[in-house]
Amino acid sequence: MAAIGGVSAGATVGTGVLYGALAALAVTLVLVWRERQSMRHPEWDQQRLLRLFIRASVERLLLLVVSLYVGLALLGLAPLPVLSGLMLAQFGWLAAMRRR
């Protein structure tokens, strides 16, 4: 989608879409990392797993806020392409999960 946006609307749109997709990838990697961490420790009780779940949620939220701040405020990317890339990447992950 970033290449299509870059060709049709310009390099700034393509860069914004790519940045949004990379932000979604980073947030998803944190989730996968914490999930694998919990799978390596079957001895953990439900309370510890709940704390890990809450911690992973907060980490993902903070990572998303920081990455959006960097992209929108510091790099000066256009908001619509960044959020579109983020949304499309998240829908892509949902579609991949549904196929399994």
N, C-alpha and C. Protein backbone atom coordinates (compact mmCIF):
# COMPACT_ATOMS: atom_id res chain seq x y z
N MET A 1 0.83 -1.19 0.00
CA MET A 1 0.00 0.00 0.00
C MET A 1 0.87 1.26 0.00
N ALA A 2 2.02 1.17 0.66
CA ALA A 2 2.90 2.33 0.69
C ALA A 2 3.43 2.64 -0.71
N ALA A 3 3.73 1.61 -1.48
CA ALA A 3 4.22 1.83 -2.84
C ALA A 3 3.12 2.41 -3.72
N ILE A 4 1.89 1.90 -3.57
CA ILE A 4 0.78 2.42 -4.36
C ILE A 4 0.51 3.87 -3.99
N GLY A 5 0.50 4.16 -2.70
CA GLY A 5 0.30 5.54 -2.26
C GLY A 5 1.42 6.45 -2.71
N GLY A 6 2.65 5.94 -2.69
CA GLY A 6 3.79 6.74 -3.13
C GLY A 6 3.74 7.05 -4.62
N VAL A 7 3.31 6.09 -5.41
CA VAL A 7 3.24 6.30 -6.86
C VAL A 7 2.08 7.21 -7.22
N SER A 8 0.93 6.98 -6.59
CA SER A 8 -0.27 7.73 -6.98
C SER A 8 -0.35 9.12 -6.35
N ALA A 9 0.08 9.28 -5.12
CA ALA A 9 -0.10 10.56 -4.43
C ALA A 9 1.20 11.25 -4.05
N GLY A 10 2.32 10.62 -4.24
CA GLY A 10 3.59 11.25 -3.92
C GLY A 10 4.35 10.52 -2.83
N ALA A 11 5.61 10.87 -2.72
CA ALA A 11 6.49 10.18 -1.78
C ALA A 11 6.12 10.44 -0.33
N THR A 12 5.57 11.62 -0.03
CA THR A 12 5.21 11.90 1.36
C THR A 12 4.08 11.01 1.83
N VAL A 13 3.13 10.73 0.96
CA VAL A 13 2.03 9.83 1.33
C VAL A 13 2.55 8.41 1.50
N GLY A 14 3.38 7.96 0.60
CA GLY A 14 3.95 6.62 0.71
C GLY A 14 4.78 6.46 1.97
N THR A 15 5.54 7.49 2.32
CA THR A 15 6.34 7.44 3.55
C THR A 15 5.44 7.39 4.77
N GLY A 16 4.37 8.14 4.76
CA GLY A 16 3.45 8.14 5.89
C GLY A 16 2.77 6.79 6.08
N VAL A 17 2.34 6.18 4.98
CA VAL A 17 1.71 4.86 5.06
C VAL A 17 2.70 3.83 5.54
N LEU A 18 3.91 3.88 5.05
CA LEU A 18 4.94 2.94 5.49
C LEU A 18 5.26 3.12 6.96
N TYR A 19 5.34 4.36 7.42
CA TYR A 19 5.61 4.61 8.84
C TYR A 19 4.49 4.06 9.72
N GLY A 20 3.24 4.26 9.31
CA GLY A 20 2.12 3.72 10.07
C GLY A 20 2.15 2.21 10.14
N ALA A 21 2.50 1.57 9.04
CA ALA A 21 2.59 0.12 9.02
C ALA A 21 3.72 -0.38 9.91
N LEU A 22 4.83 0.35 9.93
CA LEU A 22 5.95 -0.04 10.80
C LEU A 22 5.61 0.15 12.27
N ALA A 23 4.82 1.17 12.58
CA ALA A 23 4.37 1.36 13.96
C ALA A 23 3.47 0.21 14.39
N ALA A 24 2.58 -0.23 13.50
CA ALA A 24 1.72 -1.37 13.81
C ALA A 24 2.54 -2.64 13.98
N LEU A 25 3.58 -2.80 13.17
CA LEU A 25 4.45 -3.96 13.30
C LEU A 25 5.17 -3.95 14.64
N ALA A 26 5.65 -2.80 15.07
CA ALA A 26 6.36 -2.71 16.35
C ALA A 26 5.43 -3.06 17.51
N VAL A 27 4.20 -2.58 17.47
CA VAL A 27 3.23 -2.87 18.53
C VAL A 27 2.92 -4.36 18.54
N THR A 28 2.80 -4.96 17.38
CA THR A 28 2.51 -6.39 17.30
C THR A 28 3.69 -7.21 17.79
N LEU A 29 4.90 -6.79 17.51
CA LEU A 29 6.08 -7.51 17.98
C LEU A 29 6.18 -7.52 19.50
N VAL A 30 5.75 -6.44 20.13
CA VAL A 30 5.73 -6.42 21.61
C VAL A 30 4.75 -7.46 22.12
N LEU A 31 3.59 -7.56 21.48
CA LEU A 31 2.59 -8.55 21.89
C LEU A 31 3.13 -9.97 21.71
N VAL A 32 3.76 -10.25 20.59
CA VAL A 32 4.31 -11.58 20.33
C VAL A 32 5.43 -11.90 21.32
N TRP A 33 6.26 -10.92 21.62
CA TRP A 33 7.35 -11.11 22.58
C TRP A 33 6.80 -11.49 23.96
N ARG A 34 5.79 -10.77 24.43
CA ARG A 34 5.22 -11.07 25.74
C ARG A 34 4.47 -12.40 25.75
N GLU A 35 3.84 -12.74 24.63
CA GLU A 35 3.15 -14.02 24.55
C GLU A 35 4.13 -15.18 24.62
N ARG A 36 5.23 -15.06 23.90
CA ARG A 36 6.25 -16.12 23.95
C ARG A 36 6.91 -16.20 25.31
N GLN A 37 7.05 -15.06 25.96
CA GLN A 37 7.61 -15.06 27.32
C GLN A 37 6.71 -15.84 28.26
N SER A 38 5.42 -15.65 28.15
CA SER A 38 4.50 -16.37 29.03
C SER A 38 4.44 -17.86 28.69
N MET A 39 4.63 -18.19 27.43
CA MET A 39 4.63 -19.61 27.05
C MET A 39 5.87 -20.35 27.54
N ARG A 40 6.97 -19.63 27.72
CA ARG A 40 8.19 -20.27 28.22
C ARG A 40 8.12 -20.57 29.71
N HIS A 41 7.12 -20.03 30.39
CA HIS A 41 7.00 -20.22 31.84
C HIS A 41 5.63 -20.80 32.18
N PRO A 42 5.44 -22.11 32.01
CA PRO A 42 4.14 -22.70 32.33
C PRO A 42 3.85 -22.72 33.83
N GLU A 43 4.86 -22.47 34.64
CA GLU A 43 4.66 -22.50 36.09
C GLU A 43 4.04 -21.21 36.63
N TRP A 44 3.93 -20.18 35.81
CA TRP A 44 3.36 -18.92 36.28
C TRP A 44 1.87 -19.09 36.55
N ASP A 45 1.42 -18.49 37.64
CA ASP A 45 0.00 -18.59 38.00
C ASP A 45 -0.82 -17.53 37.26
N GLN A 46 -2.13 -17.58 37.47
CA GLN A 46 -3.03 -16.69 36.74
C GLN A 46 -2.80 -15.22 37.10
N GLN A 47 -2.47 -14.94 38.35
CA GLN A 47 -2.25 -13.55 38.75
C GLN A 47 -1.03 -12.97 38.03
N ARG A 48 0.02 -13.75 37.95
CA ARG A 48 1.23 -13.26 37.26
C ARG A 48 0.96 -13.07 35.77
N LEU A 49 0.21 -13.97 35.17
CA LEU A 49 -0.13 -13.83 33.76
C LEU A 49 -1.02 -12.62 33.52
N LEU A 50 -1.92 -12.33 34.46
CA LEU A 50 -2.77 -11.15 34.34
C LEU A 50 -1.93 -9.88 34.42
N ARG A 51 -0.97 -9.84 35.34
CA ARG A 51 -0.07 -8.69 35.44
C ARG A 51 0.74 -8.53 34.16
N LEU A 52 1.19 -9.64 33.59
CA LEU A 52 1.93 -9.57 32.34
C LEU A 52 1.04 -9.06 31.20
N PHE A 53 -0.21 -9.49 31.19
CA PHE A 53 -1.16 -9.03 30.17
C PHE A 53 -1.38 -7.52 30.28
N ILE A 54 -1.56 -7.04 31.49
CA ILE A 54 -1.76 -5.60 31.70
C ILE A 54 -0.49 -4.83 31.34
N ARG A 55 0.65 -5.36 31.72
CA ARG A 55 1.92 -4.70 31.39
C ARG A 55 2.13 -4.64 29.89
N ALA A 56 1.83 -5.73 29.19
CA ALA A 56 1.98 -5.74 27.73
C ALA A 56 1.03 -4.74 27.09
N SER A 57 -0.17 -4.61 27.61
CA SER A 57 -1.12 -3.64 27.06
C SER A 57 -0.62 -2.22 27.24
N VAL A 58 -0.09 -1.91 28.41
CA VAL A 58 0.45 -0.57 28.67
C VAL A 58 1.67 -0.31 27.80
N GLU A 59 2.54 -1.31 27.67
CA GLU A 59 3.72 -1.15 26.82
C GLU A 59 3.33 -0.88 25.37
N ARG A 60 2.35 -1.61 24.88
CA ARG A 60 1.90 -1.42 23.50
C ARG A 60 1.30 -0.04 23.31
N LEU A 61 0.50 0.40 24.28
CA LEU A 61 -0.11 1.72 24.17
C LEU A 61 0.95 2.82 24.19
N LEU A 62 1.91 2.72 25.09
CA LEU A 62 2.97 3.72 25.16
C LEU A 62 3.83 3.72 23.89
N LEU A 63 4.13 2.54 23.37
CA LEU A 63 4.90 2.46 22.14
C LEU A 63 4.14 3.10 20.98
N LEU A 64 2.85 2.86 20.92
CA LEU A 64 2.04 3.45 19.85
C LEU A 64 1.98 4.96 19.98
N VAL A 65 1.77 5.47 21.19
CA VAL A 65 1.70 6.92 21.38
C VAL A 65 3.04 7.57 21.04
N VAL A 66 4.14 6.98 21.48
CA VAL A 66 5.45 7.55 21.20
C VAL A 66 5.75 7.50 19.71
N SER A 67 5.45 6.38 19.07
CA SER A 67 5.74 6.29 17.64
C SER A 67 4.87 7.24 16.82
N LEU A 68 3.61 7.42 17.21
CA LEU A 68 2.77 8.40 16.52
C LEU A 68 3.26 9.82 16.77
N TYR A 69 3.71 10.10 17.98
CA TYR A 69 4.26 11.43 18.27
C TYR A 69 5.49 11.70 17.42
N VAL A 70 6.37 10.72 17.34
CA VAL A 70 7.59 10.89 16.54
C VAL A 70 7.23 11.11 15.08
N GLY A 71 6.32 10.31 14.57
CA GLY A 71 5.96 10.42 13.16
C GLY A 71 5.23 11.71 12.82
N LEU A 72 4.30 12.11 13.68
CA LEU A 72 3.48 13.28 13.37
C LEU A 72 4.15 14.58 13.78
N ALA A 73 4.72 14.64 14.96
CA ALA A 73 5.26 15.90 15.46
C ALA A 73 6.72 16.11 15.05
N LEU A 74 7.55 15.13 15.24
CA LEU A 74 8.98 15.32 14.99
C LEU A 74 9.35 15.17 13.51
N LEU A 75 8.80 14.16 12.86
CA LEU A 75 9.11 13.96 11.45
C LEU A 75 8.21 14.77 10.53
N GLY A 76 7.09 15.23 11.04
CA GLY A 76 6.19 16.07 10.26
C GLY A 76 5.43 15.33 9.17
N LEU A 77 5.17 14.06 9.38
CA LEU A 77 4.41 13.29 8.40
C LEU A 77 2.94 13.68 8.45
N ALA A 78 2.25 13.51 7.35
CA ALA A 78 0.83 13.84 7.28
C ALA A 78 0.04 12.82 8.10
N PRO A 79 -0.94 13.28 8.89
CA PRO A 79 -1.67 12.37 9.79
C PRO A 79 -2.49 11.31 9.06
N LEU A 80 -3.16 11.67 7.99
CA LEU A 80 -4.04 10.70 7.32
C LEU A 80 -3.27 9.50 6.75
N PRO A 81 -2.17 9.69 6.06
CA PRO A 81 -1.43 8.51 5.58
C PRO A 81 -0.87 7.66 6.71
N VAL A 82 -0.38 8.29 7.78
CA VAL A 82 0.17 7.53 8.90
C VAL A 82 -0.91 6.67 9.54
N LEU A 83 -2.05 7.28 9.82
CA LEU A 83 -3.14 6.52 10.45
C LEU A 83 -3.74 5.50 9.49
N SER A 84 -3.73 5.80 8.20
CA SER A 84 -4.22 4.83 7.22
C SER A 84 -3.29 3.61 7.17
N GLY A 85 -2.00 3.84 7.18
CA GLY A 85 -1.05 2.73 7.20
C GLY A 85 -1.18 1.90 8.46
N LEU A 86 -1.37 2.56 9.59
CA LEU A 86 -1.57 1.86 10.86
C LEU A 86 -2.83 1.01 10.79
N MET A 87 -3.91 1.57 10.31
CA MET A 87 -5.17 0.86 10.23
C MET A 87 -5.09 -0.32 9.25
N LEU A 88 -4.51 -0.09 8.09
CA LEU A 88 -4.39 -1.17 7.10
C LEU A 88 -3.52 -2.30 7.61
N ALA A 89 -2.45 -1.98 8.31
CA ALA A 89 -1.59 -3.03 8.86
C ALA A 89 -2.32 -3.83 9.94
N GLN A 90 -3.10 -3.15 10.77
CA GLN A 90 -3.86 -3.87 11.80
C GLN A 90 -4.92 -4.77 11.17
N PHE A 91 -5.59 -4.29 10.13
CA PHE A 91 -6.56 -5.13 9.43
C PHE A 91 -5.87 -6.30 8.74
N GLY A 92 -4.66 -6.07 8.27
CA GLY A 92 -3.89 -7.16 7.68
C GLY A 92 -3.57 -8.24 8.69
N TRP A 93 -3.21 -7.84 9.91
CA TRP A 93 -2.94 -8.83 10.96
C TRP A 93 -4.22 -9.58 11.31
N LEU A 94 -5.35 -8.88 11.35
CA LEU A 94 -6.62 -9.56 11.64
C LEU A 94 -6.96 -10.57 10.54
N ALA A 95 -6.74 -10.21 9.31
CA ALA A 95 -7.01 -11.12 8.20
C ALA A 95 -6.08 -12.34 8.26
N ALA A 96 -4.83 -12.11 8.61
CA ALA A 96 -3.88 -13.24 8.72
C ALA A 96 -4.27 -14.16 9.87
N MET A 97 -4.75 -13.61 10.96
CA MET A 97 -5.18 -14.42 12.09
C MET A 97 -6.43 -15.23 11.74
N ARG A 98 -7.31 -14.64 10.97
CA ARG A 98 -8.55 -15.33 10.60
C ARG A 98 -8.29 -16.51 9.68
N ARG A 99 -7.28 -16.41 8.85
CA ARG A 99 -6.95 -17.50 7.93
C ARG A 99 -6.41 -18.71 8.65
N ARG A 100 -5.74 -18.52 9.77
CA ARG A 100 -5.20 -19.65 10.52
C ARG A 100 -6.31 -20.32 11.17
